[in-house]
Every structure is written in structure tokens, then in C-alpha cells.
Amino acid sequence: MQTVDLRGVCCPTNFVKAKLALEMVDAGEVVEFLLDDGEAVKNVPKSLKGEGHKLLGLKESDGYYVLTIEKVED
């Protein structure tokens, strides 16, 4: 599983980087994104779900969040 660290990246750049990372993997693959609290954890999961990707999990871990997404077909 690929992990993409988006901590310290501000909105909306973190969503753009997450979207680009998902373009690099095949449908059905799972990617973890590390997100800061606040705007990032509110907006990125919602935006990726809006793109049609499957939200598998969102959990807090040592002051940041781990978002797990499964890429769906383009």
C-alpha cells in the first residue's frame, strides 16, 4: 500500500496532490494519506469521495489523521 504524506500542505493543494497520487495507481488499489487536523481532514476525504473514490477509513494517529482510500475506475 502506498502512503502519501500531505501533512503541512495547505488546502486546496493537498486535495490536488491526493488526486494526482490516485491517478498514478490502478483502480482497486488502496492509498493512505496523512493529513493535518482542521481544513485538510474536513475537505480532502469529502472531495475524494465526491470524485467517486471509496472511503475505507479515517483515524487519528499522534496528532494527524490517516485517510484510507480505494481508487475506483476513472
PDB file of N, CA and C in Angstrom:
ATOM      1  N   MET A   1       0.850  -1.186   0.000  1.00  0.00           N
ATOM      2  CA  MET A   1       0.000   0.000   0.000  1.00  0.00           C
ATOM      3  C   MET A   1       0.891   1.243   0.000  1.00  0.00           C
ATOM      4  N   GLN A   2       0.535   2.202  -0.815  1.00  0.00           N
ATOM      5  CA  GLN A   2       1.265   3.453  -0.912  1.00  0.00           C
ATOM      6  C   GLN A   2       0.774   4.419   0.163  1.00  0.00           C
ATOM      7  N   THR A   3       1.712   5.161   0.751  1.00  0.00           N
ATOM      8  CA  THR A   3       1.356   6.203   1.720  1.00  0.00           C
ATOM      9  C   THR A   3       1.850   7.540   1.200  1.00  0.00           C
ATOM     10  N   VAL A   4       0.956   8.526   1.213  1.00  0.00           N
ATOM     11  CA  VAL A   4       1.286   9.869   0.746  1.00  0.00           C
ATOM     12  C   VAL A   4       1.156  10.820   1.930  1.00  0.00           C
ATOM     13  N   ASP A   5       2.267  11.461   2.286  1.00  0.00           N
ATOM     14  CA  ASP A   5       2.293  12.377   3.431  1.00  0.00           C
ATOM     15  C   ASP A   5       1.923  13.782   2.965  1.00  0.00           C
ATOM     16  N   LEU A   6       0.730  14.227   3.339  1.00  0.00           N
ATOM     17  CA  LEU A   6       0.268  15.566   2.983  1.00  0.00           C
ATOM     18  C   LEU A   6       0.245  16.496   4.185  1.00  0.00           C
ATOM     19  N   ARG A   7       0.914  16.106   5.254  1.00  0.00           N
ATOM     20  CA  ARG A   7       0.977  16.980   6.433  1.00  0.00           C
ATOM     21  C   ARG A   7       1.778  18.226   6.073  1.00  0.00           C
ATOM     22  N   GLY A   8       1.280  19.367   6.499  1.00  0.00           N
ATOM     23  CA  GLY A   8       1.961  20.629   6.214  1.00  0.00           C
ATOM     24  C   GLY A   8       1.588  21.225   4.859  1.00  0.00           C
ATOM     25  N   VAL A   9       0.770  20.519   4.092  1.00  0.00           N
ATOM     26  CA  VAL A   9       0.317  21.019   2.786  1.00  0.00           C
ATOM     27  C   VAL A   9      -1.050  21.658   2.986  1.00  0.00           C
ATOM     28  N   CYS A  10      -1.207  22.903   2.539  1.00  0.00           N
ATOM     29  CA  CYS A  10      -2.464  23.613   2.787  1.00  0.00           C
ATOM     30  C   CYS A  10      -3.503  23.338   1.702  1.00  0.00           C
ATOM     31  N   CYS A  11      -4.756  23.620   2.040  1.00  0.00           N
ATOM     32  CA  CYS A  11      -5.874  23.475   1.104  1.00  0.00           C
ATOM     33  C   CYS A  11      -5.799  24.574   0.059  1.00  0.00           C
ATOM     34  N   PRO A  12      -6.153  24.359  -1.173  1.00  0.00           N
ATOM     35  CA  PRO A  12      -6.620  23.095  -1.744  1.00  0.00           C
ATOM     36  C   PRO A  12      -5.500  22.251  -2.350  1.00  0.00           C
ATOM     37  N   THR A  13      -4.240  22.651  -2.105  1.00  0.00           N
ATOM     38  CA  THR A  13      -3.111  21.927  -2.689  1.00  0.00           C
ATOM     39  C   THR A  13      -3.084  20.468  -2.243  1.00  0.00           C
ATOM     40  N   ASN A  14      -3.478  20.192  -0.995  1.00  0.00           N
ATOM     41  CA  ASN A  14      -3.458  18.807  -0.515  1.00  0.00           C
ATOM     42  C   ASN A  14      -4.440  17.937  -1.305  1.00  0.00           C
ATOM     43  N   PHE A  15      -5.595  18.475  -1.672  1.00  0.00           N
ATOM     44  CA  PHE A  15      -6.549  17.713  -2.474  1.00  0.00           C
ATOM     45  C   PHE A  15      -5.978  17.451  -3.866  1.00  0.00           C
ATOM     46  N   VAL A  16      -5.366  18.467  -4.462  1.00  0.00           N
ATOM     47  CA  VAL A  16      -4.770  18.308  -5.797  1.00  0.00           C
ATOM     48  C   VAL A  16      -3.688  17.231  -5.769  1.00  0.00           C
ATOM     49  N   LYS A  17      -2.835  17.259  -4.743  1.00  0.00           N
ATOM     50  CA  LYS A  17      -1.766  16.250  -4.625  1.00  0.00           C
ATOM     51  C   LYS A  17      -2.351  14.858  -4.395  1.00  0.00           C
ATOM     52  N   ALA A  18      -3.421  14.768  -3.614  1.00  0.00           N
ATOM     53  CA  ALA A  18      -4.076  13.473  -3.379  1.00  0.00           C
ATOM     54  C   ALA A  18      -4.660  12.942  -4.683  1.00  0.00           C
ATOM     55  N   LYS A  19      -5.291  13.812  -5.437  1.00  0.00           N
ATOM     56  CA  LYS A  19      -5.894  13.427  -6.709  1.00  0.00           C
ATOM     57  C   LYS A  19      -4.815  12.937  -7.686  1.00  0.00           C
ATOM     58  N   LEU A  20      -3.702  13.643  -7.753  1.00  0.00           N
ATOM     59  CA  LEU A  20      -2.595  13.248  -8.626  1.00  0.00           C
ATOM     60  C   LEU A  20      -2.015  11.897  -8.204  1.00  0.00           C
ATOM     61  N   ALA A  21      -1.912  11.673  -6.900  1.00  0.00           N
ATOM     62  CA  ALA A  21      -1.395  10.389  -6.407  1.00  0.00           C
ATOM     63  C   ALA A  21      -2.313   9.249  -6.818  1.00  0.00           C
ATOM     64  N   LEU A  22      -3.620   9.478  -6.766  1.00  0.00           N
ATOM     65  CA  LEU A  22      -4.575   8.432  -7.160  1.00  0.00           C
ATOM     66  C   LEU A  22      -4.531   8.165  -8.662  1.00  0.00           C
ATOM     67  N   GLU A  23      -4.163   9.163  -9.444  1.00  0.00           N
ATOM     68  CA  GLU A  23      -4.034   8.956 -10.886  1.00  0.00           C
ATOM     69  C   GLU A  23      -2.880   8.011 -11.216  1.00  0.00           C
ATOM     70  N   MET A  24      -1.929   7.879 -10.313  1.00  0.00           N
ATOM     71  CA  MET A  24      -0.741   7.066 -10.551  1.00  0.00           C
ATOM     72  C   MET A  24      -0.931   5.591 -10.175  1.00  0.00           C
ATOM     73  N   VAL A  25      -2.064   5.249  -9.590  1.00  0.00           N
ATOM     74  CA  VAL A  25      -2.315   3.856  -9.192  1.00  0.00           C
ATOM     75  C   VAL A  25      -3.484   3.294  -9.981  1.00  0.00           C
ATOM     76  N   ASP A  26      -3.574   1.975 -10.000  1.00  0.00           N
ATOM     77  CA  ASP A  26      -4.644   1.297 -10.724  1.00  0.00           C
ATOM     78  C   ASP A  26      -5.926   1.262  -9.896  1.00  0.00           C
ATOM     79  N   ALA A  27      -7.050   1.154 -10.569  1.00  0.00           N
ATOM     80  CA  ALA A  27      -8.337   1.014  -9.895  1.00  0.00           C
ATOM     81  C   ALA A  27      -8.292  -0.205  -8.983  1.00  0.00           C
ATOM     82  N   GLY A  28      -8.861  -0.079  -7.801  1.00  0.00           N
ATOM     83  CA  GLY A  28      -8.866  -1.163  -6.828  1.00  0.00           C
ATOM     84  C   GLY A  28      -7.719  -1.097  -5.841  1.00  0.00           C
ATOM     85  N   GLU A  29      -6.700  -0.290  -6.139  1.00  0.00           N
ATOM     86  CA  GLU A  29      -5.575  -0.144  -5.207  1.00  0.00           C
ATOM     87  C   GLU A  29      -5.968   0.781  -4.062  1.00  0.00           C
ATOM     88  N   VAL A  30      -5.332   0.563  -2.924  1.00  0.00           N
ATOM     89  CA  VAL A  30      -5.615   1.341  -1.713  1.00  0.00           C
ATOM     90  C   VAL A  30      -4.423   2.255  -1.430  1.00  0.00           C
ATOM     91  N   VAL A  31      -4.727   3.511  -1.120  1.00  0.00           N
ATOM     92  CA  VAL A  31      -3.703   4.501  -0.812  1.00  0.00           C
ATOM     93  C   VAL A  31      -4.034   5.145   0.531  1.00  0.00           C
ATOM     94  N   GLU A  32      -3.015   5.336   1.354  1.00  0.00           N
ATOM     95  CA  GLU A  32      -3.170   6.042   2.627  1.00  0.00           C
ATOM     96  C   GLU A  32      -2.655   7.467   2.469  1.00  0.00           C
ATOM     97  N   PHE A  33      -3.403   8.408   3.003  1.00  0.00           N
ATOM     98  CA  PHE A  33      -2.983   9.809   3.004  1.00  0.00           C
ATOM     99  C   PHE A  33      -2.857  10.267   4.451  1.00  0.00           C
ATOM    100  N   LEU A  34      -1.753  10.936   4.764  1.00  0.00           N
ATOM    101  CA  LEU A  34      -1.552  11.503   6.097  1.00  0.00           C
ATOM    102  C   LEU A  34      -1.952  12.967   6.023  1.00  0.00           C
ATOM    103  N   LEU A  35      -2.913  13.356   6.849  1.00  0.00           N
ATOM    104  CA  LEU A  35      -3.489  14.707   6.793  1.00  0.00           C
ATOM    105  C   LEU A  35      -3.413  15.410   8.136  1.00  0.00           C
ATOM    106  N   ASP A  36      -3.275  16.730   8.078  1.00  0.00           N
ATOM    107  CA  ASP A  36      -3.340  17.552   9.282  1.00  0.00           C
ATOM    108  C   ASP A  36      -4.784  17.683   9.746  1.00  0.00           C
ATOM    109  N   ASP A  37      -4.938  18.033  11.016  1.00  0.00           N
ATOM    110  CA  ASP A  37      -6.256  18.335  11.557  1.00  0.00           C
ATOM    111  C   ASP A  37      -6.741  19.648  10.938  1.00  0.00           C
ATOM    112  N   GLY A  38      -8.019  19.920  11.021  1.00  0.00           N
ATOM    113  CA  GLY A  38      -8.565  21.179  10.524  1.00  0.00           C
ATOM    114  C   GLY A  38      -9.139  21.037   9.129  1.00  0.00           C
ATOM    115  N   GLU A  39      -8.869  22.041   8.285  1.00  0.00           N
ATOM    116  CA  GLU A  39      -9.429  22.081   6.933  1.00  0.00           C
ATOM    117  C   GLU A  39      -9.091  20.824   6.139  1.00  0.00           C
ATOM    118  N   ALA A  40      -7.866  20.345   6.248  1.00  0.00           N
ATOM    119  CA  ALA A  40      -7.435  19.183   5.453  1.00  0.00           C
ATOM    120  C   ALA A  40      -8.293  17.958   5.729  1.00  0.00           C
ATOM    121  N   VAL A  41      -8.486  17.641   7.001  1.00  0.00           N
ATOM    122  CA  VAL A  41      -9.235  16.422   7.338  1.00  0.00           C
ATOM    123  C   VAL A  41     -10.731  16.593   7.075  1.00  0.00           C
ATOM    124  N   LYS A  42     -11.197  17.828   7.007  1.00  0.00           N
ATOM    125  CA  LYS A  42     -12.609  18.074   6.671  1.00  0.00           C
ATOM    126  C   LYS A  42     -12.842  17.981   5.166  1.00  0.00           C
ATOM    127  N   ASN A  43     -11.926  18.560   4.382  1.00  0.00           N
ATOM    128  CA  ASN A  43     -12.167  18.733   2.952  1.00  0.00           C
ATOM    129  C   ASN A  43     -11.654  17.603   2.060  1.00  0.00           C
ATOM    130  N   VAL A  44     -10.478  17.079   2.335  1.00  0.00           N
ATOM    131  CA  VAL A  44      -9.889  16.080   1.431  1.00  0.00           C
ATOM    132  C   VAL A  44     -10.737  14.810   1.345  1.00  0.00           C
ATOM    133  N   PRO A  45     -11.156  14.206   2.470  1.00  0.00           N
ATOM    134  CA  PRO A  45     -11.993  12.999   2.338  1.00  0.00           C
ATOM    135  C   PRO A  45     -13.290  13.266   1.568  1.00  0.00           C
ATOM    136  N   LYS A  46     -13.936  14.388   1.870  1.00  0.00           N
ATOM    137  CA  LYS A  46     -15.191  14.746   1.202  1.00  0.00           C
ATOM    138  C   LYS A  46     -14.968  14.928  -0.299  1.00  0.00           C
ATOM    139  N   SER A  47     -13.886  15.600  -0.663  1.00  0.00           N
ATOM    140  CA  SER A  47     -13.599  15.857  -2.075  1.00  0.00           C
ATOM    141  C   SER A  47     -13.254  14.580  -2.827  1.00  0.00           C
ATOM    142  N   LEU A  48     -12.465  13.695  -2.216  1.00  0.00           N
ATOM    143  CA  LEU A  48     -12.106  12.442  -2.885  1.00  0.00           C
ATOM    144  C   LEU A  48     -13.326  11.538  -3.035  1.00  0.00           C
ATOM    145  N   LYS A  49     -14.188  11.532  -2.020  1.00  0.00           N
ATOM    146  CA  LYS A  49     -15.425  10.762  -2.119  1.00  0.00           C
ATOM    147  C   LYS A  49     -16.304  11.339  -3.229  1.00  0.00           C
ATOM    148  N   GLY A  50     -16.323  12.656  -3.344  1.00  0.00           N
ATOM    149  CA  GLY A  50     -17.069  13.320  -4.401  1.00  0.00           C
ATOM    150  C   GLY A  50     -16.554  12.972  -5.795  1.00  0.00           C
ATOM    151  N   GLU A  51     -15.266  12.612  -5.873  1.00  0.00           N
ATOM    152  CA  GLU A  51     -14.666  12.187  -7.137  1.00  0.00           C
ATOM    153  C   GLU A  51     -15.041  10.738  -7.454  1.00  0.00           C
ATOM    154  N   GLY A  52     -15.690  10.065  -6.493  1.00  0.00           N
ATOM    155  CA  GLY A  52     -16.137   8.698  -6.728  1.00  0.00           C
ATOM    156  C   GLY A  52     -15.285   7.627  -6.083  1.00  0.00           C
ATOM    157  N   HIS A  53     -14.239   8.031  -5.360  1.00  0.00           N
ATOM    158  CA  HIS A  53     -13.376   7.045  -4.712  1.00  0.00           C
ATOM    159  C   HIS A  53     -14.026   6.545  -3.422  1.00  0.00           C
ATOM    160  N   LYS A  54     -13.597   5.376  -2.986  1.00  0.00           N
ATOM    161  CA  LYS A  54     -14.213   4.722  -1.829  1.00  0.00           C
ATOM    162  C   LYS A  54     -13.431   5.039  -0.560  1.00  0.00           C
ATOM    163  N   LEU A  55     -14.108   5.635   0.404  1.00  0.00           N
ATOM    164  CA  LEU A  55     -13.505   5.953   1.696  1.00  0.00           C
ATOM    165  C   LEU A  55     -13.516   4.700   2.559  1.00  0.00           C
ATOM    166  N   LEU A  56     -12.329   4.175   2.863  1.00  0.00           N
ATOM    167  CA  LEU A  56     -12.228   2.946   3.663  1.00  0.00           C
ATOM    168  C   LEU A  56     -12.020   3.230   5.141  1.00  0.00           C
ATOM    169  N   GLY A  57     -11.429   4.366   5.455  1.00  0.00           N
ATOM    170  CA  GLY A  57     -11.203   4.658   6.863  1.00  0.00           C
ATOM    171  C   GLY A  57     -10.585   6.020   7.075  1.00  0.00           C
ATOM    172  N   LEU A  58     -10.810   6.563   8.260  1.00  0.00           N
ATOM    173  CA  LEU A  58     -10.218   7.821   8.683  1.00  0.00           C
ATOM    174  C   LEU A  58     -10.004   7.715  10.179  1.00  0.00           C
ATOM    175  N   LYS A  59      -8.737   7.721  10.592  1.00  0.00           N
ATOM    176  CA  LYS A  59      -8.453   7.583  12.027  1.00  0.00           C
ATOM    177  C   LYS A  59      -7.376   8.564  12.449  1.00  0.00           C
ATOM    178  N   GLU A  60      -7.482   8.981  13.703  1.00  0.00           N
ATOM    179  CA  GLU A  60      -6.489   9.896  14.259  1.00  0.00           C
ATOM    180  C   GLU A  60      -5.298   9.096  14.757  1.00  0.00           C
ATOM    181  N   SER A  61      -4.104   9.658  14.549  1.00  0.00           N
ATOM    182  CA  SER A  61      -2.885   8.973  14.965  1.00  0.00           C
ATOM    183  C   SER A  61      -1.822  10.004  15.320  1.00  0.00           C
ATOM    184  N   ASP A  62      -1.547  10.179  16.598  1.00  0.00           N
ATOM    185  CA  ASP A  62      -0.479  11.078  17.064  1.00  0.00           C
ATOM    186  C   ASP A  62      -0.565  12.497  16.512  1.00  0.00           C
ATOM    187  N   GLY A  63      -1.753  13.097  16.524  1.00  0.00           N
ATOM    188  CA  GLY A  63      -1.887  14.488  16.126  1.00  0.00           C
ATOM    189  C   GLY A  63      -2.135  14.728  14.643  1.00  0.00           C
ATOM    190  N   TYR A  64      -2.254  13.671  13.884  1.00  0.00           N
ATOM    191  CA  TYR A  64      -2.620  13.809  12.473  1.00  0.00           C
ATOM    192  C   TYR A  64      -3.625  12.713  12.139  1.00  0.00           C
ATOM    193  N   TYR A  65      -4.097  12.687  10.918  1.00  0.00           N
ATOM    194  CA  TYR A  65      -5.107  11.711  10.515  1.00  0.00           C
ATOM    195  C   TYR A  65      -4.597  10.836   9.382  1.00  0.00           C
ATOM    196  N   VAL A  66      -5.026   9.577   9.395  1.00  0.00           N
ATOM    197  CA  VAL A  66      -4.709   8.638   8.326  1.00  0.00           C
ATOM    198  C   VAL A  66      -6.009   8.361   7.576  1.00  0.00           C
ATOM    199  N   LEU A  67      -6.038   8.780   6.311  1.00  0.00           N
ATOM    200  CA  LEU A  67      -7.188   8.582   5.441  1.00  0.00           C
ATOM    201  C   LEU A  67      -6.859   7.442   4.485  1.00  0.00           C
ATOM    202  N   THR A  68      -7.714   6.423   4.468  1.00  0.00           N
ATOM    203  CA  THR A  68      -7.502   5.278   3.586  1.00  0.00           C
ATOM    204  C   THR A  68      -8.562   5.306   2.487  1.00  0.00           C
ATOM    205  N   ILE A  69      -8.086   5.329   1.240  1.00  0.00           N
ATOM    206  CA  ILE A  69      -8.963   5.456   0.065  1.00  0.00           C
ATOM    207  C   ILE A  69      -8.696   4.303  -0.905  1.00  0.00           C
ATOM    208  N   GLU A  70      -9.761   3.752  -1.464  1.00  0.00           N
ATOM    209  CA  GLU A  70      -9.620   2.800  -2.555  1.00  0.00           C
ATOM    210  C   GLU A  70      -9.970   3.514  -3.849  1.00  0.00           C
ATOM    211  N   LYS A  71      -9.063   3.430  -4.815  1.00  0.00           N
ATOM    212  CA  LYS A  71      -9.321   4.085  -6.097  1.00  0.00           C
ATOM    213  C   LYS A  71     -10.366   3.302  -6.868  1.00  0.00           C
ATOM    214  N   VAL A  72     -11.304   4.020  -7.452  1.00  0.00           N
ATOM    215  CA  VAL A  72     -12.298   3.395  -8.305  1.00  0.00           C
ATOM    216  C   VAL A  72     -11.948   3.685  -9.767  1.00  0.00           C
ATOM    217  N   GLU A  73     -12.669   3.058 -10.673  1.00  0.00           N
ATOM    218  CA  GLU A  73     -12.424   3.280 -12.105  1.00  0.00           C
ATOM    219  C   GLU A  73     -12.547   4.752 -12.443  1.00  0.00           C
ATOM    220  N   ASP A  74     -11.765   5.194 -13.405  1.00  0.00           N
ATOM    221  CA  ASP A  74     -11.840   6.589 -13.859  1.00  0.00           C
ATOM    222  C   ASP A  74     -13.093   6.817 -14.668  1.00  0.00           C
TER     223      ASP A  74
END
